Each structure stands twice: as structure tokens, then as C-alpha cells.
Amino acid sequence: MSDARNQFLARLAKKARELDNTRLLSAAMEKHYRSDNPNIAVVEDPLADLVDMVSFNQYIGWYDGLPEKADKVSWEIKYNKPVFVSEFGGDAKQGYHGDVNTIFTEEFQENLYRKSLGMLDKIDGFVGTSPWILADFRSPRRQLNGIQNDYNRKGIFSNEGVKKKSFFVLKSFYDQKEKQTPQ
């Protein structure tokens, strides 16, 4: 975060509203852990004043500790706006199986989704999330032979369109949400 970043994004938000003020505006905001309690994640970003909903990317269990960390983390978000988690997830090669502690397996990703969604669902104002990403895609920086083979494997579908176990976790989560929504 810097003044230059904040000024640039404020101009961008203003322009977006000028072009189409009927759409909700959001952005992936900065977050950090409280210095007095590493189990409290804080979303604190001046960008929140410019957008309609609070969004952020979170990769607890993939880039940030193991999936079990999600059982301990709570979120502090001071803005009175809907909260939408713009990215979450972790890699799994479709068809690669093992226990929940073996990274790149469908079982690891499935467990990561269960833990992440359980944590996110406890956030005050939480309205939804989007996995990163729908389908595996080419990424030349992903060079783990036999697993990545130049693909980002965070999709809930393989690059060939096959549903991974994480797809069914996310589907079940949203099916439950639909049942809880008043008609």
C-alpha cells in the first residue's frame, strides 16, 4: 500500500463508475495478521471506502500454512459491507490420489476446500466466494514433472473438463446455502 497506489485505484474506481454505475465494484484488498494474535486475519485497506463490497484473496492451507490452520483463523473486517472472497484454493492433479496430507492429491484439495469454506462461512457479512480457478490452465512457470507439467492445477475441473473432488465440496456448500435462503 502506498499513496501512489491508493490514488491510482481511486481514479480507476471513479472511471469505472463513470462508465457503468449499475455494477458492483470490488477489488482484492490487502490483508494481514494481527501482531498480537497470529490467528486473527485483518482486512484493512483504504480501497474499502471506494468499493461496494469487501473482497480479498486468501490461500490459507496452500501458500499460508496447512489446511488445519483454517480451523484456528478468524477474520476481523471493520467495514459494513458484504464480504466476497475473490480467490482461494490449492493445486490438485485430477486422478492423483492419496491421503489428505499429500499435496497435489485430489484428497488434499478436497480437504483444503472443506477447511477453507468452513472458515470463510464464519466471517460476518460473508456472501460468497470464487475458487481460484474453475479449470486447470497452461502456466509455463508450473514445472513440477508428473504433476503440474506446465499447468496451474488449482482448478475444480481438470484441463480436460473432468470434475475433481473439490468441485463436489463447493457444489455441496452452495447447495446448502440455497436451502438456507428464504424463498
C-alpha atoms as a PDB file:
ATOM      1  CA  MET A   1       0.000   0.000   0.000  1.00  0.00           C
ATOM      2  CA  SER A   2       1.161   3.480  -0.823  1.00  0.00           C
ATOM      3  CA  ASP A   3      -0.309   6.881  -1.589  1.00  0.00           C
ATOM      4  CA  ALA A   4       0.504   6.372  -5.279  1.00  0.00           C
ATOM      5  CA  ARG A   5      -1.343   3.017  -5.309  1.00  0.00           C
ATOM      6  CA  ASN A   6      -4.342   4.432  -3.460  1.00  0.00           C
ATOM      7  CA  GLN A   7      -4.579   7.494  -5.733  1.00  0.00           C
ATOM      8  CA  PHE A   8      -4.304   5.359  -8.858  1.00  0.00           C
ATOM      9  CA  LEU A   9      -7.009   2.942  -7.669  1.00  0.00           C
ATOM     10  CA  ALA A  10      -9.284   5.829  -6.642  1.00  0.00           C
ATOM     11  CA  ARG A  11      -9.042   7.243 -10.179  1.00  0.00           C
ATOM     12  CA  LEU A  12      -9.703   3.790 -11.603  1.00  0.00           C
ATOM     13  CA  ALA A  13     -12.776   3.316  -9.372  1.00  0.00           C
ATOM     14  CA  LYS A  14     -14.105   6.741 -10.365  1.00  0.00           C
ATOM     15  CA  LYS A  15     -13.661   5.933 -14.061  1.00  0.00           C
ATOM     16  CA  ALA A  16     -15.365   2.545 -13.665  1.00  0.00           C
ATOM     17  CA  ARG A  17     -18.376   4.219 -12.047  1.00  0.00           C
ATOM     18  CA  GLU A  18     -18.497   6.836 -14.812  1.00  0.00           C
ATOM     19  CA  LEU A  19     -18.537   4.093 -17.451  1.00  0.00           C
ATOM     20  CA  ASP A  20     -21.223   1.983 -15.718  1.00  0.00           C
ATOM     21  CA  ASN A  21     -22.610   2.883 -12.309  1.00  0.00           C
ATOM     22  CA  THR A  22     -25.043  -0.067 -12.305  1.00  0.00           C
ATOM     23  CA  ARG A  23     -22.418  -2.695 -11.500  1.00  0.00           C
ATOM     24  CA  LEU A  24     -20.946  -3.510  -8.127  1.00  0.00           C
ATOM     25  CA  LEU A  25     -17.340  -2.518  -7.716  1.00  0.00           C
ATOM     26  CA  SER A  26     -14.847  -4.624  -5.807  1.00  0.00           C
ATOM     27  CA  ALA A  27     -11.134  -5.350  -5.707  1.00  0.00           C
ATOM     28  CA  ALA A  28      -8.804  -7.773  -3.960  1.00  0.00           C
ATOM     29  CA  MET A  29      -7.843  -5.868  -0.813  1.00  0.00           C
ATOM     30  CA  GLU A  30      -4.780  -6.108   1.367  1.00  0.00           C
ATOM     31  CA  LYS A  31      -4.878  -8.231   4.500  1.00  0.00           C
ATOM     32  CA  HIS A  32      -2.508  -9.136   7.316  1.00  0.00           C
ATOM     33  CA  TYR A  33      -2.431 -10.935  10.652  1.00  0.00           C
ATOM     34  CA  ARG A  34      -2.686  -9.029  13.910  1.00  0.00           C
ATOM     35  CA  SER A  35       0.702  -8.634  15.546  1.00  0.00           C
ATOM     36  CA  ASP A  36      -0.727  -9.579  18.961  1.00  0.00           C
ATOM     37  CA  ASN A  37      -2.584 -12.645  17.641  1.00  0.00           C
ATOM     38  CA  PRO A  38      -1.399 -14.508  14.528  1.00  0.00           C
ATOM     39  CA  ASN A  39      -4.754 -16.332  14.326  1.00  0.00           C
ATOM     40  CA  ILE A  40      -6.684 -13.154  13.543  1.00  0.00           C
ATOM     41  CA  ALA A  41      -6.554 -12.092   9.918  1.00  0.00           C
ATOM     42  CA  VAL A  42      -7.379  -8.438   9.308  1.00  0.00           C
ATOM     43  CA  VAL A  43      -8.706  -6.906   6.120  1.00  0.00           C
ATOM     44  CA  GLU A  44      -7.715  -3.264   6.289  1.00  0.00           C
ATOM     45  CA  ASP A  45      -7.381  -1.247   3.135  1.00  0.00           C
ATOM     46  CA  PRO A  46      -8.365   2.333   2.228  1.00  0.00           C
ATOM     47  CA  LEU A  47      -9.726   0.903  -1.003  1.00  0.00           C
ATOM     48  CA  ALA A  48     -12.731  -0.302   1.023  1.00  0.00           C
ATOM     49  CA  ASP A  49     -14.105   3.241   1.005  1.00  0.00           C
ATOM     50  CA  LEU A  50     -14.302   3.180  -2.811  1.00  0.00           C
ATOM     51  CA  VAL A  51     -15.945  -0.184  -3.451  1.00  0.00           C
ATOM     52  CA  ASP A  52     -19.336  -1.759  -2.844  1.00  0.00           C
ATOM     53  CA  MET A  53     -18.117  -4.972  -1.282  1.00  0.00           C
ATOM     54  CA  VAL A  54     -15.048  -6.146   0.597  1.00  0.00           C
ATOM     55  CA  SER A  55     -13.041  -8.710  -1.345  1.00  0.00           C
ATOM     56  CA  PHE A  56      -9.704 -10.376  -0.752  1.00  0.00           C
ATOM     57  CA  ASN A  57      -7.722 -13.401  -1.855  1.00  0.00           C
ATOM     58  CA  GLN A  58      -6.844 -15.999   0.757  1.00  0.00           C
ATOM     59  CA  TYR A  59      -4.674 -19.066   0.439  1.00  0.00           C
ATOM     60  CA  ILE A  60      -4.571 -20.408   3.986  1.00  0.00           C
ATOM     61  CA  GLY A  61      -3.667 -24.062   3.657  1.00  0.00           C
ATOM     62  CA  TRP A  62      -1.746 -23.653   0.421  1.00  0.00           C
ATOM     63  CA  TYR A  63       0.691 -20.713   0.447  1.00  0.00           C
ATOM     64  CA  ASP A  64      -0.019 -19.937   4.101  1.00  0.00           C
ATOM     65  CA  GLY A  65       0.367 -22.940   6.392  1.00  0.00           C
ATOM     66  CA  LEU A  66      -1.501 -26.226   6.204  1.00  0.00           C
ATOM     67  CA  PRO A  67      -5.279 -26.636   5.760  1.00  0.00           C
ATOM     68  CA  GLU A  68      -5.724 -27.152   9.522  1.00  0.00           C
ATOM     69  CA  LYS A  69      -4.669 -23.531  10.032  1.00  0.00           C
ATOM     70  CA  ALA A  70      -8.123 -22.559   8.730  1.00  0.00           C
ATOM     71  CA  ASP A  71      -9.628 -24.137  11.879  1.00  0.00           C
ATOM     72  CA  LYS A  72      -7.808 -21.535  14.009  1.00  0.00           C
ATOM     73  CA  VAL A  73      -8.057 -18.357  11.944  1.00  0.00           C
ATOM     74  CA  SER A  74     -10.810 -15.801  12.418  1.00  0.00           C
ATOM     75  CA  TRP A  75     -11.303 -12.608  10.450  1.00  0.00           C
ATOM     76  CA  GLU A  76     -11.533  -9.001  11.536  1.00  0.00           C
ATOM     77  CA  ILE A  77     -13.217  -6.835   8.918  1.00  0.00           C
ATOM     78  CA  LYS A  78     -14.400  -3.448  10.148  1.00  0.00           C
ATOM     79  CA  TYR A  79     -16.327  -2.407   7.042  1.00  0.00           C
ATOM     80  CA  ASN A  80     -20.116  -2.649   6.999  1.00  0.00           C
ATOM     81  CA  LYS A  81     -20.221  -4.130   3.501  1.00  0.00           C
ATOM     82  CA  PRO A  82     -20.794  -7.576   2.012  1.00  0.00           C
ATOM     83  CA  VAL A  83     -17.690  -9.786   2.051  1.00  0.00           C
ATOM     84  CA  PHE A  84     -16.816 -11.805  -1.040  1.00  0.00           C
ATOM     85  CA  VAL A  85     -13.618 -13.868  -1.075  1.00  0.00           C
ATOM     86  CA  SER A  86     -12.228 -13.321  -4.556  1.00  0.00           C
ATOM     87  CA  GLU A  87      -9.760 -16.226  -4.615  1.00  0.00           C
ATOM     88  CA  PHE A  88      -8.977 -19.328  -2.586  1.00  0.00           C
ATOM     89  CA  GLY A  89      -7.736 -22.826  -3.279  1.00  0.00           C
ATOM     90  CA  GLY A  90      -4.774 -25.063  -3.884  1.00  0.00           C
ATOM     91  CA  ASP A  91      -3.444 -27.404  -6.560  1.00  0.00           C
ATOM     92  CA  ALA A  92      -4.510 -30.979  -7.281  1.00  0.00           C
ATOM     93  CA  LYS A  93      -3.834 -33.125 -10.301  1.00  0.00           C
ATOM     94  CA  GLN A  94      -7.063 -34.781 -11.394  1.00  0.00           C
ATOM     95  CA  GLY A  95      -6.762 -38.523 -10.885  1.00  0.00           C
ATOM     96  CA  TYR A  96      -3.828 -38.266  -8.445  1.00  0.00           C
ATOM     97  CA  HIS A  97      -4.987 -39.736  -5.138  1.00  0.00           C
ATOM     98  CA  GLY A  98      -3.572 -40.124  -1.656  1.00  0.00           C
ATOM     99  CA  ASP A  99      -4.336 -39.035   1.874  1.00  0.00           C
ATOM    100  CA  VAL A 100      -5.376 -35.515   2.883  1.00  0.00           C
ATOM    101  CA  ASN A 101      -1.796 -34.633   3.826  1.00  0.00           C
ATOM    102  CA  THR A 102      -0.269 -35.408   0.418  1.00  0.00           C
ATOM    103  CA  ILE A 103      -0.116 -32.216  -1.584  1.00  0.00           C
ATOM    104  CA  PHE A 104      -1.301 -32.180  -5.185  1.00  0.00           C
ATOM    105  CA  THR A 105      -3.752 -35.038  -4.496  1.00  0.00           C
ATOM    106  CA  GLU A 106      -7.460 -34.572  -5.000  1.00  0.00           C
ATOM    107  CA  GLU A 107      -7.929 -35.513  -1.347  1.00  0.00           C
ATOM    108  CA  PHE A 108      -5.615 -32.685  -0.217  1.00  0.00           C
ATOM    109  CA  GLN A 109      -7.522 -30.159  -2.343  1.00  0.00           C
ATOM    110  CA  GLU A 110     -10.876 -31.573  -1.185  1.00  0.00           C
ATOM    111  CA  ASN A 111      -9.834 -31.183   2.465  1.00  0.00           C
ATOM    112  CA  LEU A 112      -8.465 -27.697   1.777  1.00  0.00           C
ATOM    113  CA  TYR A 113     -11.849 -26.698   0.327  1.00  0.00           C
ATOM    114  CA  ARG A 114     -13.731 -28.102   3.335  1.00  0.00           C
ATOM    115  CA  LYS A 115     -11.477 -26.274   5.794  1.00  0.00           C
ATOM    116  CA  SER A 116     -11.456 -23.014   3.814  1.00  0.00           C
ATOM    117  CA  LEU A 117     -15.215 -22.897   3.294  1.00  0.00           C
ATOM    118  CA  GLY A 118     -15.827 -23.668   6.972  1.00  0.00           C
ATOM    119  CA  MET A 119     -13.570 -20.772   7.949  1.00  0.00           C
ATOM    120  CA  LEU A 120     -14.991 -18.345   5.389  1.00  0.00           C
ATOM    121  CA  ASP A 121     -18.581 -19.123   6.300  1.00  0.00           C
ATOM    122  CA  LYS A 122     -17.916 -17.774   9.818  1.00  0.00           C
ATOM    123  CA  ILE A 123     -16.982 -14.288   8.558  1.00  0.00           C
ATOM    124  CA  ASP A 124     -19.557 -11.638   9.442  1.00  0.00           C
ATOM    125  CA  GLY A 125     -21.132 -10.379   6.232  1.00  0.00           C
ATOM    126  CA  PHE A 126     -19.820 -13.265   4.105  1.00  0.00           C
ATOM    127  CA  VAL A 127     -21.892 -13.519   0.912  1.00  0.00           C
ATOM    128  CA  GLY A 128     -19.828 -15.801  -1.299  1.00  0.00           C
ATOM    129  CA  THR A 129     -16.577 -16.844  -2.851  1.00  0.00           C
ATOM    130  CA  SER A 130     -14.982 -17.925  -6.066  1.00  0.00           C
ATOM    131  CA  PRO A 131     -12.371 -20.647  -6.288  1.00  0.00           C
ATOM    132  CA  TRP A 132      -9.101 -19.953  -7.994  1.00  0.00           C
ATOM    133  CA  ILE A 133      -9.859 -21.248 -10.551  1.00  0.00           C
ATOM    134  CA  LEU A 134     -12.610 -23.011 -12.487  1.00  0.00           C
ATOM    135  CA  ALA A 135     -10.336 -25.158 -14.678  1.00  0.00           C
ATOM    136  CA  ASP A 136      -6.640 -26.012 -14.792  1.00  0.00           C
ATOM    137  CA  PHE A 137      -4.805 -23.845 -17.300  1.00  0.00           C
ATOM    138  CA  ARG A 138      -1.422 -23.619 -19.001  1.00  0.00           C
ATOM    139  CA  SER A 139       1.237 -21.893 -16.953  1.00  0.00           C
ATOM    140  CA  PRO A 140       4.861 -22.331 -18.031  1.00  0.00           C
ATOM    141  CA  ARG A 141       6.089 -21.495 -14.515  1.00  0.00           C
ATOM    142  CA  ARG A 142       4.431 -24.664 -13.142  1.00  0.00           C
ATOM    143  CA  GLN A 143       7.161 -27.162 -13.898  1.00  0.00           C
ATOM    144  CA  LEU A 144       6.737 -29.992 -11.401  1.00  0.00           C
ATOM    145  CA  ASN A 145       7.112 -33.006 -13.702  1.00  0.00           C
ATOM    146  CA  GLY A 146       4.383 -35.611 -13.445  1.00  0.00           C
ATOM    147  CA  ILE A 147       2.111 -33.240 -11.519  1.00  0.00           C
ATOM    148  CA  GLN A 148       1.998 -29.762 -12.978  1.00  0.00           C
ATOM    149  CA  ASN A 149       3.567 -30.307 -16.414  1.00  0.00           C
ATOM    150  CA  ASP A 150       3.195 -26.601 -17.244  1.00  0.00           C
ATOM    151  CA  TYR A 151      -0.341 -26.339 -15.795  1.00  0.00           C
ATOM    152  CA  ASN A 152      -1.699 -24.433 -12.832  1.00  0.00           C
ATOM    153  CA  ARG A 153      -3.682 -27.237 -11.162  1.00  0.00           C
ATOM    154  CA  LYS A 154      -5.879 -25.140  -8.851  1.00  0.00           C
ATOM    155  CA  GLY A 155      -8.987 -25.756 -10.970  1.00  0.00           C
ATOM    156  CA  ILE A 156     -12.013 -27.637  -9.697  1.00  0.00           C
ATOM    157  CA  PHE A 157     -12.083 -29.110 -13.223  1.00  0.00           C
ATOM    158  CA  SER A 158      -9.047 -30.596 -14.926  1.00  0.00           C
ATOM    159  CA  ASN A 159      -7.803 -29.027 -18.135  1.00  0.00           C
ATOM    160  CA  GLU A 160      -9.779 -31.805 -19.857  1.00  0.00           C
ATOM    161  CA  GLY A 161     -13.046 -30.833 -18.118  1.00  0.00           C
ATOM    162  CA  VAL A 162     -13.128 -33.634 -15.541  1.00  0.00           C
ATOM    163  CA  LYS A 163     -14.576 -32.644 -12.156  1.00  0.00           C
ATOM    164  CA  LYS A 164     -12.197 -33.015  -9.216  1.00  0.00           C
ATOM    165  CA  LYS A 165     -13.336 -33.876  -5.689  1.00  0.00           C
ATOM    166  CA  SER A 166     -13.159 -30.176  -4.749  1.00  0.00           C
ATOM    167  CA  PHE A 167     -15.945 -29.448  -7.271  1.00  0.00           C
ATOM    168  CA  PHE A 168     -18.362 -31.527  -5.195  1.00  0.00           C
ATOM    169  CA  VAL A 169     -17.329 -29.810  -1.953  1.00  0.00           C
ATOM    170  CA  LEU A 170     -18.021 -26.388  -3.467  1.00  0.00           C
ATOM    171  CA  LYS A 171     -21.286 -27.591  -5.029  1.00  0.00           C
ATOM    172  CA  SER A 172     -22.451 -29.002  -1.699  1.00  0.00           C
ATOM    173  CA  PHE A 173     -21.551 -25.732   0.039  1.00  0.00           C
ATOM    174  CA  TYR A 174     -23.655 -23.698  -2.381  1.00  0.00           C
ATOM    175  CA  ASP A 175     -26.490 -26.263  -2.365  1.00  0.00           C
ATOM    176  CA  GLN A 176     -26.677 -25.838   1.432  1.00  0.00           C
ATOM    177  CA  LYS A 177     -26.670 -22.047   1.044  1.00  0.00           C
ATOM    178  CA  GLU A 178     -29.554 -22.286  -1.423  1.00  0.00           C
ATOM    179  CA  LYS A 179     -31.588 -24.374   1.047  1.00  0.00           C
ATOM    180  CA  GLN A 180     -30.982 -21.753   3.771  1.00  0.00           C
ATOM    181  CA  THR A 181     -32.126 -18.868   1.574  1.00  0.00           C
ATOM    182  CA  PRO A 182     -35.732 -17.814   2.148  1.00  0.00           C
ATOM    183  CA  GLN A 183     -37.838 -18.228  -0.981  1.00  0.00           C
END
